[in-house]
Amino acid sequence: MANSTILVTGGAGYIGSHACKALAKAGFSPVVYDNLTTGFRESVLFGPLVEADIRDAEAFQQAMEKHKPAAIVHFAAKLAVGESVEQPEDYYDVNVRGAWNVIHNARNAGIPIVFSSTAAVYGIPETFPIAEDAPLAPINPYGHSKRMVEQMLADAAHAYNLRYASLRYFNACGADAEGQLGLRQTNPTHLIPVALEAILETRPPLQVFGTDYPTEDGTAVRDYIHVADLADAHVAALKYLLGGGECTVLNLGTGTGYSVKQVIDAIESGTGHNVPRQDHARRAGDPPALVAAVEKARNVLGWQATQSALPNIVATAWKWRQQLTSGAKAL
């Protein structure tokens, strides 16, 4: 390929680092742009690191001029829902103002953007599975900030012919099968890493919020997608745009939902350990079920999840979590 350089903002993070591995495997040359506030230098394994903030206009422009990327894959953002409610200014500052800087530079360079969006833009949906044309009604500042960036991209496409793909993730999970990468977050909030840490006794028992939902077993249902499948989808979206594909918005999920209880059962089966847990009342704003309609991603990109079977998710996440724990004990 004429220019294989791809600027990956947030490439030192969980999903970004897996995407860099997938990009390198596909023949691209990822350049990571990350301020390392939540990313990790140890996760930058497949190309150079530019340690800077996406809100720093001068630093970003310098990185663009130095590396002359063929496209940008934009992950860099703040992403904790609860924290966004408590600190909304930070979320609009990083997620929206930072994204404006990325979009502005991409427009000036005439290159496309693959944007890391989220199913949180849907809020509490009324129909299932959730298709891309479902109403967008986010219920927290995190979801609102991602929705704003999607609108900014659409407006830039209309005004300046910027081309982009917005990828709305459902529940990212799992880890690199080869053990190179995984979730390094020191205090994870998602179900699977929290349950695994509870088994390893590095945190208190898992809190199960809601056992009286109108679901088969009373616990909330979610669509869990392996991080390696997400990474492959970004490569597919990038190739699509570089090949002249039109702007698109796509769900990234499996189309299959698992309940919290089903996930816990899979974790106990896969690890051979009971998950210490406590039942609690529902959390406000948690819908009973979130499952993606996935036909559009398959039709547009020729992509579908292949590594997201629950046993594989658990096996790779468990291997990674044990590595982290043994490494911490060694220190």
C-alpha atoms as a PDB file:
ATOM      1  CA  MET A   1       0.000   0.000   0.000  1.00  0.00           C
ATOM      2  CA  ALA A   2       1.221   3.513  -0.842  1.00  0.00           C
ATOM      3  CA  ASN A   3       0.879   4.907   2.686  1.00  0.00           C
ATOM      4  CA  SER A   4       0.403   2.411   5.497  1.00  0.00           C
ATOM      5  CA  THR A   5       0.742   4.854   8.420  1.00  0.00           C
ATOM      6  CA  ILE A   6      -2.340   5.116  10.644  1.00  0.00           C
ATOM      7  CA  LEU A   7      -2.546   7.549  13.580  1.00  0.00           C
ATOM      8  CA  VAL A   8      -4.286   5.787  16.469  1.00  0.00           C
ATOM      9  CA  THR A   9      -5.432   8.139  19.222  1.00  0.00           C
ATOM     10  CA  GLY A  10      -5.799   6.301  22.513  1.00  0.00           C
ATOM     11  CA  GLY A  11      -3.755   3.441  21.091  1.00  0.00           C
ATOM     12  CA  ALA A  12      -2.228   2.658  24.492  1.00  0.00           C
ATOM     13  CA  GLY A  13      -5.645   1.782  25.910  1.00  0.00           C
ATOM     14  CA  TYR A  14      -7.532  -1.500  26.079  1.00  0.00           C
ATOM     15  CA  ILE A  15      -9.300  -1.573  22.716  1.00  0.00           C
ATOM     16  CA  GLY A  16      -6.814   0.758  21.014  1.00  0.00           C
ATOM     17  CA  SER A  17      -3.833  -1.477  21.747  1.00  0.00           C
ATOM     18  CA  HIS A  18      -5.626  -4.545  20.375  1.00  0.00           C
ATOM     19  CA  ALA A  19      -6.518  -2.523  17.282  1.00  0.00           C
ATOM     20  CA  CYS A  20      -2.852  -1.602  16.812  1.00  0.00           C
ATOM     21  CA  LYS A  21      -1.933  -5.282  16.864  1.00  0.00           C
ATOM     22  CA  ALA A  22      -4.620  -6.041  14.281  1.00  0.00           C
ATOM     23  CA  LEU A  23      -3.486  -3.108  12.125  1.00  0.00           C
ATOM     24  CA  ALA A  24       0.134  -4.270  12.211  1.00  0.00           C
ATOM     25  CA  LYS A  25      -0.929  -7.813  11.328  1.00  0.00           C
ATOM     26  CA  ALA A  26      -2.868  -6.405   8.353  1.00  0.00           C
ATOM     27  CA  GLY A  27       0.211  -4.587   7.032  1.00  0.00           C
ATOM     28  CA  PHE A  28      -0.458  -1.117   8.432  1.00  0.00           C
ATOM     29  CA  SER A  29       2.003   0.930  10.512  1.00  0.00           C
ATOM     30  CA  PRO A  30       0.217   2.258  13.593  1.00  0.00           C
ATOM     31  CA  VAL A  31       1.461   5.411  15.323  1.00  0.00           C
ATOM     32  CA  VAL A  32       0.002   5.723  18.825  1.00  0.00           C
ATOM     33  CA  TYR A  33      -1.050   9.164  20.055  1.00  0.00           C
ATOM     34  CA  ASP A  34      -1.861   8.917  23.772  1.00  0.00           C
ATOM     35  CA  ASN A  35      -1.350  11.026  26.894  1.00  0.00           C
ATOM     36  CA  LEU A  36      -1.092   7.851  29.041  1.00  0.00           C
ATOM     37  CA  THR A  37      -3.583   9.059  31.662  1.00  0.00           C
ATOM     38  CA  THR A  38      -5.489   5.799  31.287  1.00  0.00           C
ATOM     39  CA  GLY A  39      -3.364   4.086  28.633  1.00  0.00           C
ATOM     40  CA  PHE A  40      -0.164   2.178  29.337  1.00  0.00           C
ATOM     41  CA  ARG A  41       3.260   2.533  27.761  1.00  0.00           C
ATOM     42  CA  GLU A  42       3.671  -1.259  28.060  1.00  0.00           C
ATOM     43  CA  SER A  43       0.751  -1.709  25.649  1.00  0.00           C
ATOM     44  CA  VAL A  44       2.464   0.211  22.822  1.00  0.00           C
ATOM     45  CA  LEU A  45       4.099  -2.714  21.036  1.00  0.00           C
ATOM     46  CA  PHE A  46       3.534  -2.222  17.311  1.00  0.00           C
ATOM     47  CA  GLY A  47       4.858   1.228  16.440  1.00  0.00           C
ATOM     48  CA  PRO A  48       6.020   4.564  17.872  1.00  0.00           C
ATOM     49  CA  LEU A  49       4.312   6.500  20.663  1.00  0.00           C
ATOM     50  CA  VAL A  50       3.541  10.213  20.571  1.00  0.00           C
ATOM     51  CA  GLU A  51       2.884  11.080  24.209  1.00  0.00           C
ATOM     52  CA  ALA A  52       0.485  14.011  24.002  1.00  0.00           C
ATOM     53  CA  ASP A  53      -3.124  15.059  24.564  1.00  0.00           C
ATOM     54  CA  ILE A  54      -5.738  15.242  21.788  1.00  0.00           C
ATOM     55  CA  ARG A  55      -6.751  18.672  23.133  1.00  0.00           C
ATOM     56  CA  ASP A  56      -3.243  20.001  22.453  1.00  0.00           C
ATOM     57  CA  ALA A  57      -3.741  21.503  18.990  1.00  0.00           C
ATOM     58  CA  GLU A  58      -0.065  22.202  18.371  1.00  0.00           C
ATOM     59  CA  ALA A  59       1.106  18.744  19.422  1.00  0.00           C
ATOM     60  CA  PHE A  60      -1.545  17.045  17.319  1.00  0.00           C
ATOM     61  CA  GLN A  61      -0.729  19.100  14.254  1.00  0.00           C
ATOM     62  CA  GLN A  62       2.972  18.327  14.702  1.00  0.00           C
ATOM     63  CA  ALA A  63       2.216  14.600  14.895  1.00  0.00           C
ATOM     64  CA  MET A  64       0.157  14.851  11.723  1.00  0.00           C
ATOM     65  CA  GLU A  65       2.929  16.723   9.879  1.00  0.00           C
ATOM     66  CA  LYS A  66       5.643  14.328  11.052  1.00  0.00           C
ATOM     67  CA  HIS A  67       3.898  11.032  10.391  1.00  0.00           C
ATOM     68  CA  LYS A  68       1.561  12.015   7.516  1.00  0.00           C
ATOM     69  CA  PRO A  69      -0.996   9.286   8.222  1.00  0.00           C
ATOM     70  CA  ALA A  70      -3.339   7.871   5.593  1.00  0.00           C
ATOM     71  CA  ALA A  71      -6.164   7.834   8.157  1.00  0.00           C
ATOM     72  CA  ILE A  72      -6.962   8.326  11.848  1.00  0.00           C
ATOM     73  CA  VAL A  73      -8.506   5.738  14.155  1.00  0.00           C
ATOM     74  CA  HIS A  74      -9.891   7.755  17.054  1.00  0.00           C
ATOM     75  CA  PHE A  75     -10.239   5.952  20.404  1.00  0.00           C
ATOM     76  CA  ALA A  76      -8.984   8.594  22.850  1.00  0.00           C
ATOM     77  CA  ALA A  77     -11.787   9.505  25.274  1.00  0.00           C
ATOM     78  CA  LYS A  78     -13.027   9.312  28.819  1.00  0.00           C
ATOM     79  CA  LEU A  79     -15.502   6.454  29.169  1.00  0.00           C
ATOM     80  CA  ALA A  80     -16.811   5.794  32.692  1.00  0.00           C
ATOM     81  CA  VAL A  81     -20.564   6.383  32.783  1.00  0.00           C
ATOM     82  CA  GLY A  82     -20.788   7.067  36.509  1.00  0.00           C
ATOM     83  CA  GLU A  83     -17.834   9.426  36.471  1.00  0.00           C
ATOM     84  CA  SER A  84     -19.368  11.305  33.542  1.00  0.00           C
ATOM     85  CA  VAL A  85     -22.409  12.112  35.685  1.00  0.00           C
ATOM     86  CA  GLU A  86     -20.161  13.445  38.449  1.00  0.00           C
ATOM     87  CA  GLN A  87     -17.675  15.251  36.187  1.00  0.00           C
ATOM     88  CA  PRO A  88     -19.520  16.208  32.983  1.00  0.00           C
ATOM     89  CA  GLU A  89     -17.199  19.116  32.146  1.00  0.00           C
ATOM     90  CA  ASP A  90     -14.244  16.742  31.852  1.00  0.00           C
ATOM     91  CA  TYR A  91     -16.179  14.501  29.480  1.00  0.00           C
ATOM     92  CA  TYR A  92     -17.225  17.295  27.145  1.00  0.00           C
ATOM     93  CA  ASP A  93     -13.713  18.759  27.290  1.00  0.00           C
ATOM     94  CA  VAL A  94     -11.901  15.541  26.345  1.00  0.00           C
ATOM     95  CA  ASN A  95     -14.502  13.715  24.282  1.00  0.00           C
ATOM     96  CA  VAL A  96     -15.959  16.652  22.354  1.00  0.00           C
ATOM     97  CA  ARG A  97     -13.262  19.335  22.279  1.00  0.00           C
ATOM     98  CA  GLY A  98     -10.571  16.716  21.732  1.00  0.00           C
ATOM     99  CA  ALA A  99     -12.581  15.134  18.921  1.00  0.00           C
ATOM    100  CA  TRP A 100     -13.039  18.536  17.282  1.00  0.00           C
ATOM    101  CA  ASN A 101      -9.255  18.818  17.079  1.00  0.00           C
ATOM    102  CA  VAL A 102      -8.992  15.362  15.509  1.00  0.00           C
ATOM    103  CA  ILE A 103     -11.752  16.096  12.987  1.00  0.00           C
ATOM    104  CA  HIS A 104     -10.252  19.486  12.106  1.00  0.00           C
ATOM    105  CA  ASN A 105      -6.858  17.945  11.349  1.00  0.00           C
ATOM    106  CA  ALA A 106      -8.347  15.065   9.376  1.00  0.00           C
ATOM    107  CA  ARG A 107     -10.349  17.511   7.284  1.00  0.00           C
ATOM    108  CA  ASN A 108      -7.268  19.643   6.568  1.00  0.00           C
ATOM    109  CA  ALA A 109      -5.277  16.547   5.597  1.00  0.00           C
ATOM    110  CA  GLY A 110      -8.102  15.099   3.494  1.00  0.00           C
ATOM    111  CA  ILE A 111      -8.019  11.739   5.295  1.00  0.00           C
ATOM    112  CA  PRO A 112     -10.802   9.573   6.772  1.00  0.00           C
ATOM    113  CA  ILE A 113     -11.595   8.804  10.429  1.00  0.00           C
ATOM    114  CA  VAL A 114     -12.694   5.580  12.090  1.00  0.00           C
ATOM    115  CA  PHE A 115     -14.447   6.706  15.280  1.00  0.00           C
ATOM    116  CA  SER A 116     -14.868   4.707  18.464  1.00  0.00           C
ATOM    117  CA  SER A 117     -18.486   5.309  19.459  1.00  0.00           C
ATOM    118  CA  THR A 118     -20.751   3.373  21.823  1.00  0.00           C
ATOM    119  CA  ALA A 119     -24.149   1.752  22.267  1.00  0.00           C
ATOM    120  CA  ALA A 120     -24.649   4.338  25.035  1.00  0.00           C
ATOM    121  CA  VAL A 121     -25.886   6.720  22.327  1.00  0.00           C
ATOM    122  CA  TYR A 122     -29.132   4.713  22.243  1.00  0.00           C
ATOM    123  CA  GLY A 123     -29.955   5.265  25.917  1.00  0.00           C
ATOM    124  CA  ILE A 124     -32.781   2.917  26.938  1.00  0.00           C
ATOM    125  CA  PRO A 125     -34.022   1.485  23.626  1.00  0.00           C
ATOM    126  CA  GLU A 126     -37.616   0.533  22.987  1.00  0.00           C
ATOM    127  CA  THR A 127     -37.004  -2.247  20.458  1.00  0.00           C
ATOM    128  CA  PHE A 128     -34.644  -5.247  20.297  1.00  0.00           C
ATOM    129  CA  PRO A 129     -32.287  -6.013  18.776  1.00  0.00           C
ATOM    130  CA  ILE A 130     -31.113  -2.412  18.434  1.00  0.00           C
ATOM    131  CA  ALA A 131     -30.593  -1.294  14.841  1.00  0.00           C
ATOM    132  CA  GLU A 132     -28.487   1.674  13.780  1.00  0.00           C
ATOM    133  CA  ASP A 133     -31.583   3.685  12.871  1.00  0.00           C
ATOM    134  CA  ALA A 134     -33.064   3.402  16.381  1.00  0.00           C
ATOM    135  CA  PRO A 135     -33.685   6.753  18.111  1.00  0.00           C
ATOM    136  CA  LEU A 136     -30.616   8.223  19.831  1.00  0.00           C
ATOM    137  CA  ALA A 137     -31.494   9.182  23.404  1.00  0.00           C
ATOM    138  CA  PRO A 138     -28.412   8.961  25.646  1.00  0.00           C
ATOM    139  CA  ILE A 139     -29.064   9.201  29.377  1.00  0.00           C
ATOM    140  CA  ASN A 140     -25.653  10.292  30.701  1.00  0.00           C
ATOM    141  CA  PRO A 141     -22.918  12.787  29.747  1.00  0.00           C
ATOM    142  CA  TYR A 142     -20.693  10.001  28.384  1.00  0.00           C
ATOM    143  CA  GLY A 143     -23.378   8.918  25.920  1.00  0.00           C
ATOM    144  CA  HIS A 144     -24.215  12.541  25.074  1.00  0.00           C
ATOM    145  CA  SER A 145     -20.549  13.325  24.358  1.00  0.00           C
ATOM    146  CA  LYS A 146     -20.239  10.411  21.923  1.00  0.00           C
ATOM    147  CA  ARG A 147     -23.516  11.383  20.258  1.00  0.00           C
ATOM    148  CA  MET A 148     -22.164  14.919  19.803  1.00  0.00           C
ATOM    149  CA  VAL A 149     -19.040  13.614  18.087  1.00  0.00           C
ATOM    150  CA  GLU A 150     -21.153  11.508  15.733  1.00  0.00           C
ATOM    151  CA  GLN A 151     -23.048  14.691  14.828  1.00  0.00           C
ATOM    152  CA  MET A 152     -19.810  16.621  14.356  1.00  0.00           C
ATOM    153  CA  LEU A 153     -18.582  13.942  11.955  1.00  0.00           C
ATOM    154  CA  ALA A 154     -21.855  13.999  10.007  1.00  0.00           C
ATOM    155  CA  ASP A 155     -21.716  17.783   9.730  1.00  0.00           C
ATOM    156  CA  ALA A 156     -18.070  17.715   8.606  1.00  0.00           C
ATOM    157  CA  ALA A 157     -18.948  15.079   6.019  1.00  0.00           C
ATOM    158  CA  HIS A 158     -21.719  17.293   4.659  1.00  0.00           C
ATOM    159  CA  ALA A 159     -19.669  20.501   4.632  1.00  0.00           C
ATOM    160  CA  TYR A 160     -16.168  19.271   3.790  1.00  0.00           C
ATOM    161  CA  ASN A 161     -16.625  15.764   2.310  1.00  0.00           C
ATOM    162  CA  LEU A 162     -14.858  14.218   5.303  1.00  0.00           C
ATOM    163  CA  ARG A 163     -15.353  10.455   5.231  1.00  0.00           C
ATOM    164  CA  TYR A 164     -15.817   8.512   8.433  1.00  0.00           C
ATOM    165  CA  ALA A 165     -17.110   5.330  10.044  1.00  0.00           C
ATOM    166  CA  SER A 166     -18.701   5.555  13.505  1.00  0.00           C
ATOM    167  CA  LEU A 167     -18.538   2.199  15.264  1.00  0.00           C
ATOM    168  CA  ARG A 168     -20.979   1.730  18.135  1.00  0.00           C
ATOM    169  CA  TYR A 169     -19.598  -0.888  20.514  1.00  0.00           C
ATOM    170  CA  PHE A 170     -21.627  -3.060  22.775  1.00  0.00           C
ATOM    171  CA  ASN A 171     -19.854  -4.777  25.747  1.00  0.00           C
ATOM    172  CA  ALA A 172     -16.135  -5.126  25.003  1.00  0.00           C
ATOM    173  CA  CYS A 173     -14.447  -7.986  26.862  1.00  0.00           C
ATOM    174  CA  GLY A 174     -11.778 -10.681  26.680  1.00  0.00           C
ATOM    175  CA  ALA A 175      -8.060 -10.324  25.976  1.00  0.00           C
ATOM    176  CA  ASP A 176      -5.439 -11.090  23.351  1.00  0.00           C
ATOM    177  CA  ALA A 177      -5.234 -14.867  22.814  1.00  0.00           C
ATOM    178  CA  GLU A 178      -1.423 -14.723  22.806  1.00  0.00           C
ATOM    179  CA  GLY A 179      -1.325 -12.990  26.191  1.00  0.00           C
ATOM    180  CA  GLN A 180       0.370  -9.805  24.940  1.00  0.00           C
ATOM    181  CA  LEU A 181      -2.508  -7.444  25.701  1.00  0.00           C
ATOM    182  CA  GLY A 182      -5.554  -7.109  27.906  1.00  0.00           C
ATOM    183  CA  LEU A 183      -7.398  -4.787  30.240  1.00  0.00           C
ATOM    184  CA  ARG A 184      -4.762  -3.190  32.502  1.00  0.00           C
ATOM    185  CA  GLN A 185      -7.213  -0.904  34.301  1.00  0.00           C
ATOM    186  CA  THR A 186      -6.485  -0.989  38.031  1.00  0.00           C
ATOM    187  CA  ASN A 187     -10.117  -0.725  39.134  1.00  0.00           C
ATOM    188  CA  PRO A 188     -12.272  -2.187  36.348  1.00  0.00           C
ATOM    189  CA  THR A 189     -16.029  -1.664  36.422  1.00  0.00           C
ATOM    190  CA  HIS A 190     -17.218  -4.209  33.849  1.00  0.00           C
ATOM    191  CA  LEU A 191     -18.744  -7.526  34.824  1.00  0.00           C
ATOM    192  CA  ILE A 192     -16.147 -10.045  33.656  1.00  0.00           C
ATOM    193  CA  PRO A 193     -12.936  -8.458  35.024  1.00  0.00           C
ATOM    194  CA  VAL A 194     -14.725  -7.581  38.275  1.00  0.00           C
ATOM    195  CA  ALA A 195     -15.893 -11.182  38.683  1.00  0.00           C
ATOM    196  CA  LEU A 196     -12.394 -12.513  37.958  1.00  0.00           C
ATOM    197  CA  GLU A 197     -10.847 -10.143  40.497  1.00  0.00           C
ATOM    198  CA  ALA A 198     -13.409 -11.286  43.042  1.00  0.00           C
ATOM    199  CA  ILE A 199     -12.274 -14.885  42.445  1.00  0.00           C
ATOM    200  CA  LEU A 200      -8.627 -13.846  42.894  1.00  0.00           C
ATOM    201  CA  GLU A 201      -9.595 -11.923  46.053  1.00  0.00           C
ATOM    202  CA  THR A 202      -8.048  -8.715  44.781  1.00  0.00           C
ATOM    203  CA  ARG A 203     -11.375  -6.940  45.330  1.00  0.00           C
ATOM    204  CA  PRO A 204     -14.610  -7.480  47.296  1.00  0.00           C
ATOM    205  CA  PRO A 205     -17.373  -9.797  46.041  1.00  0.00           C
ATOM    206  CA  LEU A 206     -19.097  -9.006  42.753  1.00  0.00           C
ATOM    207  CA  GLN A 207     -22.208  -6.872  43.137  1.00  0.00           C
ATOM    208  CA  VAL A 208     -25.091  -8.053  40.970  1.00  0.00           C
ATOM    209  CA  PHE A 209     -27.400  -5.105  40.382  1.00  0.00           C
ATOM    210  CA  GLY A 210     -30.916  -6.349  39.735  1.00  0.00           C
ATOM    211  CA  THR A 211     -32.325  -9.879  39.912  1.00  0.00           C
ATOM    212  CA  ASP A 212     -35.923  -8.970  39.048  1.00  0.00           C
ATOM    213  CA  TYR A 213     -35.635  -7.803  35.442  1.00  0.00           C
ATOM    214  CA  PRO A 214     -38.206  -9.116  32.935  1.00  0.00           C
ATOM    215  CA  THR A 215     -35.615 -11.538  31.528  1.00  0.00           C
ATOM    216  CA  GLU A 216     -35.405 -15.316  31.599  1.00  0.00           C
ATOM    217  CA  ASP A 217     -33.469 -15.477  34.872  1.00  0.00           C
ATOM    218  CA  GLY A 218     -34.163 -11.971  36.239  1.00  0.00           C
ATOM    219  CA  THR A 219     -30.705 -10.523  35.563  1.00  0.00           C
ATOM    220  CA  ALA A 220     -29.815  -7.960  32.908  1.00  0.00           C
ATOM    221  CA  VAL A 221     -28.917  -9.154  29.393  1.00  0.00           C
ATOM    222  CA  ARG A 222     -26.047  -7.681  27.374  1.00  0.00           C
ATOM    223  CA  ASP A 223     -24.252  -8.310  24.074  1.00  0.00           C
ATOM    224  CA  TYR A 224     -20.615  -9.243  24.827  1.00  0.00           C
ATOM    225  CA  ILE A 225     -18.051  -8.841  22.044  1.00  0.00           C
ATOM    226  CA  HIS A 226     -14.441  -9.975  22.239  1.00  0.00           C
ATOM    227  CA  VAL A 227     -11.917  -7.155  21.984  1.00  0.00           C
ATOM    228  CA  ALA A 228     -10.091  -9.001  19.194  1.00  0.00           C
ATOM    229  CA  ASP A 229     -13.301  -8.985  17.140  1.00  0.00           C
ATOM    230  CA  LEU A 230     -13.602  -5.244  17.776  1.00  0.00           C
ATOM    231  CA  ALA A 231     -10.020  -4.770  16.620  1.00  0.00           C
ATOM    232  CA  ASP A 232     -10.670  -6.692  13.412  1.00  0.00           C
ATOM    233  CA  ALA A 233     -13.762  -4.562  12.764  1.00  0.00           C
ATOM    234  CA  HIS A 234     -11.631  -1.410  12.923  1.00  0.00           C
ATOM    235  CA  VAL A 235      -9.251  -2.823  10.341  1.00  0.00           C
ATOM    236  CA  ALA A 236     -12.218  -3.714   8.131  1.00  0.00           C
ATOM    237  CA  ALA A 237     -13.688  -0.205   8.529  1.00  0.00           C
ATOM    238  CA  LEU A 238     -10.340   1.370   7.736  1.00  0.00           C
ATOM    239  CA  LYS A 239      -9.918  -0.698   4.561  1.00  0.00           C
ATOM    240  CA  TYR A 240     -13.482   0.173   3.594  1.00  0.00           C
ATOM    241  CA  LEU A 241     -12.827   3.919   3.886  1.00  0.00           C
ATOM    242  CA  LEU A 242      -9.405   3.785   2.234  1.00  0.00           C
ATOM    243  CA  GLY A 243     -11.043   1.880  -0.597  1.00  0.00           C
ATOM    244  CA  GLY A 244     -13.447   4.760  -1.184  1.00  0.00           C
ATOM    245  CA  GLY A 245     -16.351   3.606   0.986  1.00  0.00           C
ATOM    246  CA  GLU A 246     -19.025   6.132   1.943  1.00  0.00           C
ATOM    247  CA  CYS A 247     -19.646   7.411   5.465  1.00  0.00           C
ATOM    248  CA  THR A 248     -21.327   4.841   7.674  1.00  0.00           C
ATOM    249  CA  VAL A 249     -22.537   4.159  11.221  1.00  0.00           C
ATOM    250  CA  LEU A 250     -22.331   0.557  12.413  1.00  0.00           C
ATOM    251  CA  ASN A 251     -23.100  -1.497  15.497  1.00  0.00           C
ATOM    252  CA  LEU A 252     -20.347  -3.819  16.674  1.00  0.00           C
ATOM    253  CA  GLY A 253     -21.815  -6.725  18.595  1.00  0.00           C
ATOM    254  CA  THR A 254     -22.697 -10.384  18.193  1.00  0.00           C
ATOM    255  CA  GLY A 255     -26.476 -10.204  17.989  1.00  0.00           C
ATOM    256  CA  THR A 256     -26.687 -12.585  20.963  1.00  0.00           C
ATOM    257  CA  GLY A 257     -27.425 -11.553  24.542  1.00  0.00           C
ATOM    258  CA  TYR A 258     -26.217 -13.206  27.728  1.00  0.00           C
ATOM    259  CA  SER A 259     -27.607 -12.521  31.176  1.00  0.00           C
ATOM    260  CA  VAL A 260     -25.414 -11.615  34.123  1.00  0.00           C
ATOM    261  CA  LYS A 261     -26.179 -15.029  35.610  1.00  0.00           C
ATOM    262  CA  GLN A 262     -25.200 -16.794  32.375  1.00  0.00           C
ATOM    263  CA  VAL A 263     -21.887 -14.928  32.331  1.00  0.00           C
ATOM    264  CA  ILE A 264     -21.214 -15.808  35.970  1.00  0.00           C
ATOM    265  CA  ASP A 265     -22.010 -19.466  35.229  1.00  0.00           C
ATOM    266  CA  ALA A 266     -19.582 -19.389  32.276  1.00  0.00           C
ATOM    267  CA  ILE A 267     -16.880 -17.820  34.464  1.00  0.00           C
ATOM    268  CA  GLU A 268     -17.335 -20.472  37.154  1.00  0.00           C
ATOM    269  CA  SER A 269     -17.240 -23.237  34.542  1.00  0.00           C
ATOM    270  CA  GLY A 270     -14.203 -21.773  32.759  1.00  0.00           C
ATOM    271  CA  THR A 271     -12.132 -21.055  35.871  1.00  0.00           C
ATOM    272  CA  GLY A 272     -13.240 -23.844  38.176  1.00  0.00           C
ATOM    273  CA  HIS A 273     -13.930 -21.287  40.915  1.00  0.00           C
ATOM    274  CA  ASN A 274     -17.086 -19.891  42.452  1.00  0.00           C
ATOM    275  CA  VAL A 275     -17.620 -16.156  41.941  1.00  0.00           C
ATOM    276  CA  PRO A 276     -18.144 -14.447  45.323  1.00  0.00           C
ATOM    277  CA  ARG A 277     -21.142 -12.192  44.813  1.00  0.00           C
ATOM    278  CA  GLN A 278     -23.875 -10.196  46.462  1.00  0.00           C
ATOM    279  CA  ASP A 279     -27.289  -9.323  45.028  1.00  0.00           C
ATOM    280  CA  HIS A 280     -28.405  -5.700  45.068  1.00  0.00           C
ATOM    281  CA  ALA A 281     -31.299  -3.615  43.774  1.00  0.00           C
ATOM    282  CA  ARG A 282     -31.283  -2.415  40.165  1.00  0.00           C
ATOM    283  CA  ARG A 283     -29.252   0.664  39.286  1.00  0.00           C
ATOM    284  CA  ALA A 284     -31.167   3.613  37.905  1.00  0.00           C
ATOM    285  CA  GLY A 285     -30.962   3.815  34.120  1.00  0.00           C
ATOM    286  CA  ASP A 286     -29.913   0.207  33.515  1.00  0.00           C
ATOM    287  CA  PRO A 287     -32.144  -1.279  30.793  1.00  0.00           C
ATOM    288  CA  PRO A 288     -33.189  -4.933  31.048  1.00  0.00           C
ATOM    289  CA  ALA A 289     -31.480  -5.866  27.765  1.00  0.00           C
ATOM    290  CA  LEU A 290     -29.070  -4.406  25.195  1.00  0.00           C
ATOM    291  CA  VAL A 291     -28.431  -6.534  22.116  1.00  0.00           C
ATOM    292  CA  ALA A 292     -27.103  -5.314  18.768  1.00  0.00           C
ATOM    293  CA  ALA A 293     -28.572  -5.779  15.335  1.00  0.00           C
ATOM    294  CA  VAL A 294     -25.476  -6.796  13.389  1.00  0.00           C
ATOM    295  CA  GLU A 295     -26.610  -7.196   9.782  1.00  0.00           C
ATOM    296  CA  LYS A 296     -25.392  -3.787   8.642  1.00  0.00           C
ATOM    297  CA  ALA A 297     -21.770  -4.348   9.716  1.00  0.00           C
ATOM    298  CA  ARG A 298     -21.813  -7.689   7.936  1.00  0.00           C
ATOM    299  CA  ASN A 299     -23.263  -6.172   4.765  1.00  0.00           C
ATOM    300  CA  VAL A 300     -21.057  -3.053   4.670  1.00  0.00           C
ATOM    301  CA  LEU A 301     -17.745  -4.442   5.928  1.00  0.00           C
ATOM    302  CA  GLY A 302     -18.076  -8.167   5.367  1.00  0.00           C
ATOM    303  CA  TRP A 303     -17.271  -8.482   9.072  1.00  0.00           C
ATOM    304  CA  GLN A 304     -18.824 -10.486  11.856  1.00  0.00           C
ATOM    305  CA  ALA A 305     -17.683 -11.575  15.304  1.00  0.00           C
ATOM    306  CA  THR A 306     -15.807 -14.891  15.242  1.00  0.00           C
ATOM    307  CA  GLN A 307     -14.032 -14.916  18.618  1.00  0.00           C
ATOM    308  CA  SER A 308     -16.879 -13.883  20.913  1.00  0.00           C
ATOM    309  CA  ALA A 309     -18.162 -17.243  22.135  1.00  0.00           C
ATOM    310  CA  LEU A 310     -18.547 -16.857  25.895  1.00  0.00           C
ATOM    311  CA  PRO A 311     -16.073 -19.664  26.803  1.00  0.00           C
ATOM    312  CA  ASN A 312     -13.371 -17.998  24.672  1.00  0.00           C
ATOM    313  CA  ILE A 313     -14.048 -14.602  26.207  1.00  0.00           C
ATOM    314  CA  VAL A 314     -13.738 -16.080  29.691  1.00  0.00           C
ATOM    315  CA  ALA A 315     -10.622 -18.132  28.869  1.00  0.00           C
ATOM    316  CA  THR A 316      -8.666 -15.203  27.425  1.00  0.00           C
ATOM    317  CA  ALA A 317      -9.767 -12.777  30.152  1.00  0.00           C
ATOM    318  CA  TRP A 318      -8.896 -15.292  32.894  1.00  0.00           C
ATOM    319  CA  LYS A 319      -5.437 -15.963  31.426  1.00  0.00           C
ATOM    320  CA  TRP A 320      -4.752 -12.222  31.274  1.00  0.00           C
ATOM    321  CA  ARG A 321      -6.086 -11.485  34.760  1.00  0.00           C
ATOM    322  CA  GLN A 322      -3.922 -14.255  36.252  1.00  0.00           C
ATOM    323  CA  GLN A 323      -0.866 -12.810  34.456  1.00  0.00           C
ATOM    324  CA  LEU A 324      -1.551  -9.375  35.902  1.00  0.00           C
ATOM    325  CA  THR A 325      -2.085 -10.722  39.404  1.00  0.00           C
ATOM    326  CA  SER A 326       1.070 -12.859  39.387  1.00  0.00           C
ATOM    327  CA  GLY A 327       3.057  -9.930  38.024  1.00  0.00           C
ATOM    328  CA  ALA A 328       1.788  -7.635  40.782  1.00  0.00           C
ATOM    329  CA  LYS A 329       2.655 -10.231  43.440  1.00  0.00           C
ATOM    330  CA  ALA A 330       6.151 -10.622  41.964  1.00  0.00           C
ATOM    331  CA  LEU A 331       6.736  -6.901  42.455  1.00  0.00           C
END
